[in-house]
Amino acid sequence: MLNGYRPAAHLRRLAQPREAAAVVAQGVTAAHRVAEARRGTGRPSRSHRPAPAAVVKVSLCEPRAGAVEAAAVLVIGDRSWALALRLELHDDAWLATVLRLI
């Protein structure tokens, strides 16, 4: 999604149904923000893909049984970003309920 390999709508099937619209909307917003930042670097446009998002650090916590919150530091180009994600266990599947790129 952030690297342009999958559309943000791909998140819909990975999200809890009642939060799917919000998770996809946050994914779209995040992808647009990253694309804008890449365009704003002043570098000439090239035919190949820009540098991919690199995960620098991940922190996890389990606020309650069946819920996991993750925070990740990403480097995309020359910028650092924070990604927050909450996953909840539903019917033996981990589904996203929150996604934020800061």
PDB file of N, CA and C in Angstrom:
ATOM      1  N   MET A   1       0.824  -1.170   0.000  1.00  0.00           N
ATOM      2  CA  MET A   1       0.000   0.000   0.000  1.00  0.00           C
ATOM      3  C   MET A   1       0.883   1.254   0.000  1.00  0.00           C
ATOM      4  N   LEU A   2       1.757   1.412   0.978  1.00  0.00           N
ATOM      5  CA  LEU A   2       2.619   2.595   1.021  1.00  0.00           C
ATOM      6  C   LEU A   2       3.673   2.559  -0.073  1.00  0.00           C
ATOM      7  N   ASN A   3       4.020   1.372  -0.536  1.00  0.00           N
ATOM      8  CA  ASN A   3       5.015   1.237  -1.601  1.00  0.00           C
ATOM      9  C   ASN A   3       4.371   1.193  -2.987  1.00  0.00           C
ATOM     10  N   GLY A   4       3.045   1.208  -3.042  1.00  0.00           N
ATOM     11  CA  GLY A   4       2.354   1.203  -4.322  1.00  0.00           C
ATOM     12  C   GLY A   4       2.146  -0.163  -4.932  1.00  0.00           C
ATOM     13  N   TYR A   5       2.428  -1.232  -4.194  1.00  0.00           N
ATOM     14  CA  TYR A   5       2.254  -2.582  -4.734  1.00  0.00           C
ATOM     15  C   TYR A   5       0.823  -3.077  -4.610  1.00  0.00           C
ATOM     16  N   ARG A   6       0.094  -2.574  -3.629  1.00  0.00           N
ATOM     17  CA  ARG A   6      -1.298  -2.971  -3.428  1.00  0.00           C
ATOM     18  C   ARG A   6      -2.131  -1.726  -3.180  1.00  0.00           C
ATOM     19  N   PRO A   7      -3.378  -1.746  -3.624  1.00  0.00           N
ATOM     20  CA  PRO A   7      -4.249  -0.601  -3.351  1.00  0.00           C
ATOM     21  C   PRO A   7      -4.658  -0.600  -1.874  1.00  0.00           C
ATOM     22  N   ALA A   8      -4.957   0.578  -1.350  1.00  0.00           N
ATOM     23  CA  ALA A   8      -5.375   0.684   0.054  1.00  0.00           C
ATOM     24  C   ALA A   8      -6.655  -0.114   0.305  1.00  0.00           C
ATOM     25  N   ALA A   9      -7.493  -0.275  -0.711  1.00  0.00           N
ATOM     26  CA  ALA A   9      -8.730  -1.039  -0.563  1.00  0.00           C
ATOM     27  C   ALA A   9      -8.458  -2.500  -0.199  1.00  0.00           C
ATOM     28  N   HIS A  10      -7.239  -2.969  -0.426  1.00  0.00           N
ATOM     29  CA  HIS A  10      -6.846  -4.327  -0.046  1.00  0.00           C
ATOM     30  C   HIS A  10      -7.001  -4.525   1.472  1.00  0.00           C
ATOM     31  N   LEU A  11      -6.938  -3.442   2.209  1.00  0.00           N
ATOM     32  CA  LEU A  11      -7.073  -3.516   3.671  1.00  0.00           C
ATOM     33  C   LEU A  11      -8.472  -3.950   4.104  1.00  0.00           C
ATOM     34  N   ARG A  12      -9.466  -3.755   3.239  1.00  0.00           N
ATOM     35  CA  ARG A  12     -10.853  -4.062   3.617  1.00  0.00           C
ATOM     36  C   ARG A  12     -10.998  -5.495   4.122  1.00  0.00           C
ATOM     37  N   ARG A  13     -10.415  -6.452   3.411  1.00  0.00           N
ATOM     38  CA  ARG A  13     -10.574  -7.854   3.832  1.00  0.00           C
ATOM     39  C   ARG A  13      -9.704  -8.205   5.036  1.00  0.00           C
ATOM     40  N   LEU A  14      -8.794  -7.315   5.409  1.00  0.00           N
ATOM     41  CA  LEU A  14      -7.937  -7.533   6.568  1.00  0.00           C
ATOM     42  C   LEU A  14      -8.434  -6.785   7.796  1.00  0.00           C
ATOM     43  N   ALA A  15      -9.603  -6.143   7.662  1.00  0.00           N
ATOM     44  CA  ALA A  15     -10.127  -5.311   8.741  1.00  0.00           C
ATOM     45  C   ALA A  15     -11.416  -5.887   9.303  1.00  0.00           C
ATOM     46  N   GLN A  16     -11.660  -5.559  10.554  1.00  0.00           N
ATOM     47  CA  GLN A  16     -12.926  -5.911  11.198  1.00  0.00           C
ATOM     48  C   GLN A  16     -14.041  -5.221  10.404  1.00  0.00           C
ATOM     49  N   PRO A  17     -15.092  -5.935   9.997  1.00  0.00           N
ATOM     50  CA  PRO A  17     -16.114  -5.342   9.121  1.00  0.00           C
ATOM     51  C   PRO A  17     -16.666  -3.986   9.583  1.00  0.00           C
ATOM     52  N   ARG A  18     -16.944  -3.825  10.862  1.00  0.00           N
ATOM     53  CA  ARG A  18     -17.538  -2.544  11.288  1.00  0.00           C
ATOM     54  C   ARG A  18     -16.527  -1.395  11.254  1.00  0.00           C
ATOM     55  N   GLU A  19     -15.232  -1.691  11.231  1.00  0.00           N
ATOM     56  CA  GLU A  19     -14.205  -0.654  11.141  1.00  0.00           C
ATOM     57  C   GLU A  19     -13.535  -0.602   9.769  1.00  0.00           C
ATOM     58  N   ALA A  20     -13.952  -1.459   8.852  1.00  0.00           N
ATOM     59  CA  ALA A  20     -13.271  -1.583   7.561  1.00  0.00           C
ATOM     60  C   ALA A  20     -13.226  -0.256   6.800  1.00  0.00           C
ATOM     61  N   ALA A  21     -14.325   0.466   6.764  1.00  0.00           N
ATOM     62  CA  ALA A  21     -14.348   1.732   6.017  1.00  0.00           C
ATOM     63  C   ALA A  21     -13.333   2.717   6.594  1.00  0.00           C
ATOM     64  N   ALA A  22     -13.246   2.796   7.908  1.00  0.00           N
ATOM     65  CA  ALA A  22     -12.294   3.721   8.545  1.00  0.00           C
ATOM     66  C   ALA A  22     -10.855   3.271   8.313  1.00  0.00           C
ATOM     67  N   VAL A  23     -10.599   1.976   8.396  1.00  0.00           N
ATOM     68  CA  VAL A  23      -9.241   1.460   8.178  1.00  0.00           C
ATOM     69  C   VAL A  23      -8.805   1.725   6.732  1.00  0.00           C
ATOM     70  N   VAL A  24      -9.692   1.468   5.780  1.00  0.00           N
ATOM     71  CA  VAL A  24      -9.361   1.728   4.370  1.00  0.00           C
ATOM     72  C   VAL A  24      -9.145   3.221   4.149  1.00  0.00           C
ATOM     73  N   ALA A  25      -9.995   4.061   4.730  1.00  0.00           N
ATOM     74  CA  ALA A  25      -9.840   5.517   4.583  1.00  0.00           C
ATOM     75  C   ALA A  25      -8.491   5.977   5.132  1.00  0.00           C
ATOM     76  N   GLN A  26      -8.083   5.435   6.269  1.00  0.00           N
ATOM     77  CA  GLN A  26      -6.782   5.792   6.830  1.00  0.00           C
ATOM     78  C   GLN A  26      -5.651   5.290   5.929  1.00  0.00           C
ATOM     79  N   GLY A  27      -5.834   4.116   5.333  1.00  0.00           N
ATOM     80  CA  GLY A  27      -4.836   3.595   4.404  1.00  0.00           C
ATOM     81  C   GLY A  27      -4.700   4.477   3.171  1.00  0.00           C
ATOM     82  N   VAL A  28      -5.832   4.934   2.648  1.00  0.00           N
ATOM     83  CA  VAL A  28      -5.816   5.834   1.487  1.00  0.00           C
ATOM     84  C   VAL A  28      -5.126   7.139   1.851  1.00  0.00           C
ATOM     85  N   THR A  29      -5.486   7.696   3.003  1.00  0.00           N
ATOM     86  CA  THR A  29      -4.869   8.946   3.462  1.00  0.00           C
ATOM     87  C   THR A  29      -3.368   8.774   3.627  1.00  0.00           C
ATOM     88  N   ALA A  30      -2.950   7.672   4.236  1.00  0.00           N
ATOM     89  CA  ALA A  30      -1.520   7.414   4.441  1.00  0.00           C
ATOM     90  C   ALA A  30      -0.794   7.300   3.103  1.00  0.00           C
ATOM     91  N   ALA A  31      -1.372   6.564   2.161  1.00  0.00           N
ATOM     92  CA  ALA A  31      -0.739   6.400   0.852  1.00  0.00           C
ATOM     93  C   ALA A  31      -0.611   7.738   0.133  1.00  0.00           C
ATOM     94  N   HIS A  32      -1.635   8.579   0.248  1.00  0.00           N
ATOM     95  CA  HIS A  32      -1.579   9.903  -0.392  1.00  0.00           C
ATOM     96  C   HIS A  32      -0.519  10.788   0.260  1.00  0.00           C
ATOM     97  N   ARG A  33      -0.429  10.740   1.589  1.00  0.00           N
ATOM     98  CA  ARG A  33       0.573  11.550   2.284  1.00  0.00           C
ATOM     99  C   ARG A  33       1.990  11.135   1.892  1.00  0.00           C
ATOM    100  N   VAL A  34       2.214   9.832   1.800  1.00  0.00           N
ATOM    101  CA  VAL A  34       3.539   9.340   1.409  1.00  0.00           C
ATOM    102  C   VAL A  34       3.835   9.748  -0.033  1.00  0.00           C
ATOM    103  N   ALA A  35       2.853   9.611  -0.921  1.00  0.00           N
ATOM    104  CA  ALA A  35       3.053   9.998  -2.321  1.00  0.00           C
ATOM    105  C   ALA A  35       3.356  11.489  -2.432  1.00  0.00           C
ATOM    106  N   GLU A  36       2.641  12.321  -1.672  1.00  0.00           N
ATOM    107  CA  GLU A  36       2.898  13.763  -1.680  1.00  0.00           C
ATOM    108  C   GLU A  36       4.303  14.068  -1.185  1.00  0.00           C
ATOM    109  N   ALA A  37       4.725  13.393  -0.128  1.00  0.00           N
ATOM    110  CA  ALA A  37       6.071  13.624   0.418  1.00  0.00           C
ATOM    111  C   ALA A  37       7.129  13.234  -0.605  1.00  0.00           C
ATOM    112  N   ARG A  38       6.890  12.142  -1.328  1.00  0.00           N
ATOM    113  CA  ARG A  38       7.856  11.712  -2.349  1.00  0.00           C
ATOM    114  C   ARG A  38       7.917  12.720  -3.494  1.00  0.00           C
ATOM    115  N   ARG A  39       6.771  13.261  -3.889  1.00  0.00           N
ATOM    116  CA  ARG A  39       6.758  14.257  -4.967  1.00  0.00           C
ATOM    117  C   ARG A  39       7.417  15.553  -4.529  1.00  0.00           C
ATOM    118  N   GLY A  40       7.330  15.872  -3.244  1.00  0.00           N
ATOM    119  CA  GLY A  40       7.871  17.122  -2.735  1.00  0.00           C
ATOM    120  C   GLY A  40       9.364  17.113  -2.483  1.00  0.00           C
ATOM    121  N   THR A  41      10.039  16.033  -2.817  1.00  0.00           N
ATOM    122  CA  THR A  41      11.478  15.949  -2.544  1.00  0.00           C
ATOM    123  C   THR A  41      12.299  16.747  -3.528  1.00  0.00           C
ATOM    124  N   GLY A  42      11.704  17.161  -4.652  1.00  0.00           N
ATOM    125  CA  GLY A  42      12.443  17.912  -5.643  1.00  0.00           C
ATOM    126  C   GLY A  42      13.297  17.046  -6.553  1.00  0.00           C
ATOM    127  N   ARG A  43      13.253  15.759  -6.352  1.00  0.00           N
ATOM    128  CA  ARG A  43      14.022  14.843  -7.208  1.00  0.00           C
ATOM    129  C   ARG A  43      13.298  14.668  -8.538  1.00  0.00           C
ATOM    130  N   PRO A  44      14.035  14.480  -9.600  1.00  0.00           N
ATOM    131  CA  PRO A  44      13.379  14.262 -10.894  1.00  0.00           C
ATOM    132  C   PRO A  44      12.601  12.952 -10.900  1.00  0.00           C
ATOM    133  N   SER A  45      11.512  12.945 -11.641  1.00  0.00           N
ATOM    134  CA  SER A  45      10.702  11.739 -11.761  1.00  0.00           C
ATOM    135  C   SER A  45      11.474  10.690 -12.559  1.00  0.00           C
ATOM    136  N   ARG A  46      11.406   9.462 -12.121  1.00  0.00           N
ATOM    137  CA  ARG A  46      12.092   8.365 -12.811  1.00  0.00           C
ATOM    138  C   ARG A  46      11.081   7.284 -13.139  1.00  0.00           C
ATOM    139  N   SER A  47      11.429   6.438 -14.053  1.00  0.00           N
ATOM    140  CA  SER A  47      10.506   5.386 -14.472  1.00  0.00           C
ATOM    141  C   SER A  47      10.430   4.253 -13.460  1.00  0.00           C
ATOM    142  N   HIS A  48      11.403   4.126 -12.574  1.00  0.00           N
ATOM    143  CA  HIS A  48      11.362   3.040 -11.595  1.00  0.00           C
ATOM    144  C   HIS A  48      10.703   3.527 -10.298  1.00  0.00           C
ATOM    145  N   ARG A  49      10.331   2.590  -9.478  1.00  0.00           N
ATOM    146  CA  ARG A  49       9.645   2.914  -8.224  1.00  0.00           C
ATOM    147  C   ARG A  49      10.590   3.623  -7.260  1.00  0.00           C
ATOM    148  N   PRO A  50      10.028   4.506  -6.424  1.00  0.00           N
ATOM    149  CA  PRO A  50      10.855   5.168  -5.409  1.00  0.00           C
ATOM    150  C   PRO A  50      11.290   4.172  -4.337  1.00  0.00           C
ATOM    151  N   ALA A  51      12.198   4.609  -3.486  1.00  0.00           N
ATOM    152  CA  ALA A  51      12.684   3.748  -2.408  1.00  0.00           C
ATOM    153  C   ALA A  51      11.500   3.246  -1.579  1.00  0.00           C
ATOM    154  N   PRO A  52      11.499   1.960  -1.237  1.00  0.00           N
ATOM    155  CA  PRO A  52      10.376   1.412  -0.470  1.00  0.00           C
ATOM    156  C   PRO A  52      10.398   1.872   0.985  1.00  0.00           C
ATOM    157  N   ALA A  53       9.251   1.703   1.629  1.00  0.00           N
ATOM    158  CA  ALA A  53       9.172   1.972   3.059  1.00  0.00           C
ATOM    159  C   ALA A  53      10.003   0.926   3.786  1.00  0.00           C
ATOM    160  N   ALA A  54      10.832   1.383   4.704  1.00  0.00           N
ATOM    161  CA  ALA A  54      11.660   0.474   5.498  1.00  0.00           C
ATOM    162  C   ALA A  54      11.204   0.541   6.945  1.00  0.00           C
ATOM    163  N   VAL A  55      10.990  -0.598   7.543  1.00  0.00           N
ATOM    164  CA  VAL A  55      10.610  -0.656   8.956  1.00  0.00           C
ATOM    165  C   VAL A  55      11.885  -0.602   9.784  1.00  0.00           C
ATOM    166  N   VAL A  56      11.986   0.410  10.636  1.00  0.00           N
ATOM    167  CA  VAL A  56      13.183   0.607  11.448  1.00  0.00           C
ATOM    168  C   VAL A  56      13.013  -0.020  12.830  1.00  0.00           C
ATOM    169  N   LYS A  57      11.804   0.115  13.391  1.00  0.00           N
ATOM    170  CA  LYS A  57      11.564  -0.405  14.736  1.00  0.00           C
ATOM    171  C   LYS A  57      10.085  -0.725  14.878  1.00  0.00           C
ATOM    172  N   VAL A  58       9.778  -1.780  15.627  1.00  0.00           N
ATOM    173  CA  VAL A  58       8.399  -2.156  15.917  1.00  0.00           C
ATOM    174  C   VAL A  58       8.275  -2.393  17.415  1.00  0.00           C
ATOM    175  N   SER A  59       7.222  -1.846  17.995  1.00  0.00           N
ATOM    176  CA  SER A  59       6.902  -2.089  19.406  1.00  0.00           C
ATOM    177  C   SER A  59       5.494  -2.660  19.471  1.00  0.00           C
ATOM    178  N   LEU A  60       5.325  -3.675  20.309  1.00  0.00           N
ATOM    179  CA  LEU A  60       4.025  -4.316  20.461  1.00  0.00           C
ATOM    180  C   LEU A  60       3.586  -4.293  21.913  1.00  0.00           C
ATOM    181  N   CYS A  61       2.269  -4.215  22.111  1.00  0.00           N
ATOM    182  CA  CYS A  61       1.730  -4.401  23.452  1.00  0.00           C
ATOM    183  C   CYS A  61       0.384  -5.108  23.320  1.00  0.00           C
ATOM    184  N   GLU A  62       0.009  -5.784  24.383  1.00  0.00           N
ATOM    185  CA  GLU A  62      -1.256  -6.503  24.423  1.00  0.00           C
ATOM    186  C   GLU A  62      -2.095  -5.885  25.538  1.00  0.00           C
ATOM    187  N   PRO A  63      -2.940  -4.881  25.203  1.00  0.00           N
ATOM    188  CA  PRO A  63      -3.709  -4.206  26.235  1.00  0.00           C
ATOM    189  C   PRO A  63      -4.751  -5.101  26.903  1.00  0.00           C
ATOM    190  N   ARG A  64      -5.179  -6.132  26.189  1.00  0.00           N
ATOM    191  CA  ARG A  64      -6.097  -7.134  26.745  1.00  0.00           C
ATOM    192  C   ARG A  64      -5.971  -8.390  25.903  1.00  0.00           C
ATOM    193  N   ALA A  65      -6.434  -9.488  26.412  1.00  0.00           N
ATOM    194  CA  ALA A  65      -6.393 -10.732  25.643  1.00  0.00           C
ATOM    195  C   ALA A  65      -7.196 -10.542  24.360  1.00  0.00           C
ATOM    196  N   GLY A  66      -6.620 -10.953  23.239  1.00  0.00           N
ATOM    197  CA  GLY A  66      -7.306 -10.842  21.961  1.00  0.00           C
ATOM    198  C   GLY A  66      -7.161  -9.502  21.281  1.00  0.00           C
ATOM    199  N   ALA A  67      -6.286  -8.641  21.794  1.00  0.00           N
ATOM    200  CA  ALA A  67      -6.031  -7.339  21.156  1.00  0.00           C
ATOM    201  C   ALA A  67      -4.536  -7.047  21.223  1.00  0.00           C
ATOM    202  N   VAL A  68      -3.984  -6.593  20.111  1.00  0.00           N
ATOM    203  CA  VAL A  68      -2.574  -6.236  20.037  1.00  0.00           C
ATOM    204  C   VAL A  68      -2.465  -4.860  19.394  1.00  0.00           C
ATOM    205  N   GLU A  69      -1.632  -4.021  19.975  1.00  0.00           N
ATOM    206  CA  GLU A  69      -1.362  -2.712  19.403  1.00  0.00           C
ATOM    207  C   GLU A  69       0.103  -2.658  19.001  1.00  0.00           C
ATOM    208  N   ALA A  70       0.332  -2.173  17.797  1.00  0.00           N
ATOM    209  CA  ALA A  70       1.690  -2.092  17.271  1.00  0.00           C
ATOM    210  C   ALA A  70       1.996  -0.648  16.897  1.00  0.00           C
ATOM    211  N   ALA A  71       3.215  -0.267  17.158  1.00  0.00           N
ATOM    212  CA  ALA A  71       3.729   1.033  16.721  1.00  0.00           C
ATOM    213  C   ALA A  71       5.008   0.742  15.948  1.00  0.00           C
ATOM    214  N   ALA A  72       5.125   1.325  14.780  1.00  0.00           N
ATOM    215  CA  ALA A  72       6.303   1.093  13.949  1.00  0.00           C
ATOM    216  C   ALA A  72       6.874   2.422  13.491  1.00  0.00           C
ATOM    217  N   VAL A  73       8.192   2.476  13.437  1.00  0.00           N
ATOM    218  CA  VAL A  73       8.888   3.623  12.851  1.00  0.00           C
ATOM    219  C   VAL A  73       9.280   3.205  11.441  1.00  0.00           C
ATOM    220  N   LEU A  74       8.860   4.003  10.465  1.00  0.00           N
ATOM    221  CA  LEU A  74       9.150   3.731   9.062  1.00  0.00           C
ATOM    222  C   LEU A  74      10.027   4.831   8.501  1.00  0.00           C
ATOM    223  N   VAL A  75      10.887   4.473   7.576  1.00  0.00           N
ATOM    224  CA  VAL A  75      11.650   5.459   6.822  1.00  0.00           C
ATOM    225  C   VAL A  75      11.228   5.293   5.373  1.00  0.00           C
ATOM    226  N   ILE A  76      10.752   6.388   4.798  1.00  0.00           N
ATOM    227  CA  ILE A  76      10.324   6.397   3.408  1.00  0.00           C
ATOM    228  C   ILE A  76      11.049   7.558   2.743  1.00  0.00           C
ATOM    229  N   GLY A  77      11.980   7.225   1.872  1.00  0.00           N
ATOM    230  CA  GLY A  77      12.809   8.278   1.287  1.00  0.00           C
ATOM    231  C   GLY A  77      13.677   8.894   2.363  1.00  0.00           C
ATOM    232  N   ASP A  78      13.590  10.193   2.514  1.00  0.00           N
ATOM    233  CA  ASP A  78      14.395  10.877   3.533  1.00  0.00           C
ATOM    234  C   ASP A  78      13.553  11.313   4.725  1.00  0.00           C
ATOM    235  N   ARG A  79      12.346  10.752   4.865  1.00  0.00           N
ATOM    236  CA  ARG A  79      11.463  11.113   5.971  1.00  0.00           C
ATOM    237  C   ARG A  79      11.194   9.922   6.868  1.00  0.00           C
ATOM    238  N   SER A  80      10.949  10.213   8.130  1.00  0.00           N
ATOM    239  CA  SER A  80      10.545   9.182   9.101  1.00  0.00           C
ATOM    240  C   SER A  80       9.063   9.357   9.401  1.00  0.00           C
ATOM    241  N   TRP A  81       8.398   8.243   9.596  1.00  0.00           N
ATOM    242  CA  TRP A  81       6.968   8.237   9.872  1.00  0.00           C
ATOM    243  C   TRP A  81       6.703   7.274  11.027  1.00  0.00           C
ATOM    244  N   ALA A  82       5.597   7.473  11.718  1.00  0.00           N
ATOM    245  CA  ALA A  82       5.150   6.540  12.748  1.00  0.00           C
ATOM    246  C   ALA A  82       3.849   5.909  12.259  1.00  0.00           C
ATOM    247  N   LEU A  83       3.740   4.615  12.441  1.00  0.00           N
ATOM    248  CA  LEU A  83       2.538   3.884  12.058  1.00  0.00           C
ATOM    249  C   LEU A  83       1.978   3.217  13.302  1.00  0.00           C
ATOM    250  N   ALA A  84       0.696   3.429  13.565  1.00  0.00           N
ATOM    251  CA  ALA A  84       0.022   2.781  14.690  1.00  0.00           C
ATOM    252  C   ALA A  84      -1.039   1.842  14.117  1.00  0.00           C
ATOM    253  N   LEU A  85      -1.134   0.658  14.689  1.00  0.00           N
ATOM    254  CA  LEU A  85      -2.047  -0.363  14.195  1.00  0.00           C
ATOM    255  C   LEU A  85      -2.597  -1.137  15.382  1.00  0.00           C
ATOM    256  N   ARG A  86      -3.907  -1.353  15.370  1.00  0.00           N
ATOM    257  CA  ARG A  86      -4.530  -2.197  16.388  1.00  0.00           C
ATOM    258  C   ARG A  86      -5.171  -3.383  15.684  1.00  0.00           C
ATOM    259  N   LEU A  87      -4.850  -4.579  16.174  1.00  0.00           N
ATOM    260  CA  LEU A  87      -5.419  -5.814  15.659  1.00  0.00           C
ATOM    261  C   LEU A  87      -6.212  -6.485  16.768  1.00  0.00           C
ATOM    262  N   GLU A  88      -7.364  -7.048  16.396  1.00  0.00           N
ATOM    263  CA  GLU A  88      -8.175  -7.786  17.361  1.00  0.00           C
ATOM    264  C   GLU A  88      -8.488  -9.161  16.798  1.00  0.00           C
ATOM    265  N   LEU A  89      -8.525 -10.132  17.687  1.00  0.00           N
ATOM    266  CA  LEU A  89      -8.789 -11.519  17.303  1.00  0.00           C
ATOM    267  C   LEU A  89     -10.296 -11.741  17.215  1.00  0.00           C
ATOM    268  N   HIS A  90     -10.763 -12.142  16.012  1.00  0.00           N
ATOM    269  CA  HIS A  90     -12.179 -12.434  15.786  1.00  0.00           C
ATOM    270  C   HIS A  90     -12.267 -13.721  14.985  1.00  0.00           C
ATOM    271  N   ASP A  91     -12.899 -14.729  15.563  1.00  0.00           N
ATOM    272  CA  ASP A  91     -13.085 -16.006  14.867  1.00  0.00           C
ATOM    273  C   ASP A  91     -11.774 -16.560  14.301  1.00  0.00           C
ATOM    274  N   ASP A  92     -10.752 -16.617  15.121  1.00  0.00           N
ATOM    275  CA  ASP A  92      -9.440 -17.163  14.753  1.00  0.00           C
ATOM    276  C   ASP A  92      -8.718 -16.374  13.663  1.00  0.00           C
ATOM    277  N   ALA A  93      -9.076 -15.116  13.467  1.00  0.00           N
ATOM    278  CA  ALA A  93      -8.382 -14.267  12.496  1.00  0.00           C
ATOM    279  C   ALA A  93      -8.063 -12.922  13.157  1.00  0.00           C
ATOM    280  N   TRP A  94      -6.846 -12.438  12.934  1.00  0.00           N
ATOM    281  CA  TRP A  94      -6.451 -11.121  13.435  1.00  0.00           C
ATOM    282  C   TRP A  94      -6.878 -10.079  12.410  1.00  0.00           C
ATOM    283  N   LEU A  95      -7.733  -9.142  12.838  1.00  0.00           N
ATOM    284  CA  LEU A  95      -8.272  -8.128  11.943  1.00  0.00           C
ATOM    285  C   LEU A  95      -7.937  -6.739  12.458  1.00  0.00           C
ATOM    286  N   ALA A  96      -7.629  -5.827  11.544  1.00  0.00           N
ATOM    287  CA  ALA A  96      -7.289  -4.453  11.904  1.00  0.00           C
ATOM    288  C   ALA A  96      -8.545  -3.687  12.311  1.00  0.00           C
ATOM    289  N   THR A  97      -8.423  -2.903  13.367  1.00  0.00           N
ATOM    290  CA  THR A  97      -9.522  -2.021  13.778  1.00  0.00           C
ATOM    291  C   THR A  97      -9.111  -0.568  13.717  1.00  0.00           C
ATOM    292  N   VAL A  98      -7.806  -0.288  13.761  1.00  0.00           N
ATOM    293  CA  VAL A  98      -7.290   1.078  13.686  1.00  0.00           C
ATOM    294  C   VAL A  98      -5.975   1.065  12.898  1.00  0.00           C
ATOM    295  N   LEU A  99      -5.798   2.078  12.067  1.00  0.00           N
ATOM    296  CA  LEU A  99      -4.553   2.267  11.328  1.00  0.00           C
ATOM    297  C   LEU A  99      -4.312   3.765  11.227  1.00  0.00           C
ATOM    298  N   ARG A 100      -3.150   4.222  11.658  1.00  0.00           N
ATOM    299  CA  ARG A 100      -2.817   5.645  11.581  1.00  0.00           C
ATOM    300  C   ARG A 100      -1.367   5.789  11.147  1.00  0.00           C
ATOM    301  N   LEU A 101      -1.127   6.707  10.227  1.00  0.00           N
ATOM    302  CA  LEU A 101       0.224   7.079   9.843  1.00  0.00           C
ATOM    303  C   LEU A 101       0.441   8.515  10.282  1.00  0.00           C
ATOM    304  N   ILE A 102       1.453   8.709  11.102  1.00  0.00           N
ATOM    305  CA  ILE A 102       1.723  10.037  11.655  1.00  0.00           C
ATOM    306  C   ILE A 102       3.051  10.531  11.132  1.00  0.00           C
TER     307      ILE A 102
END
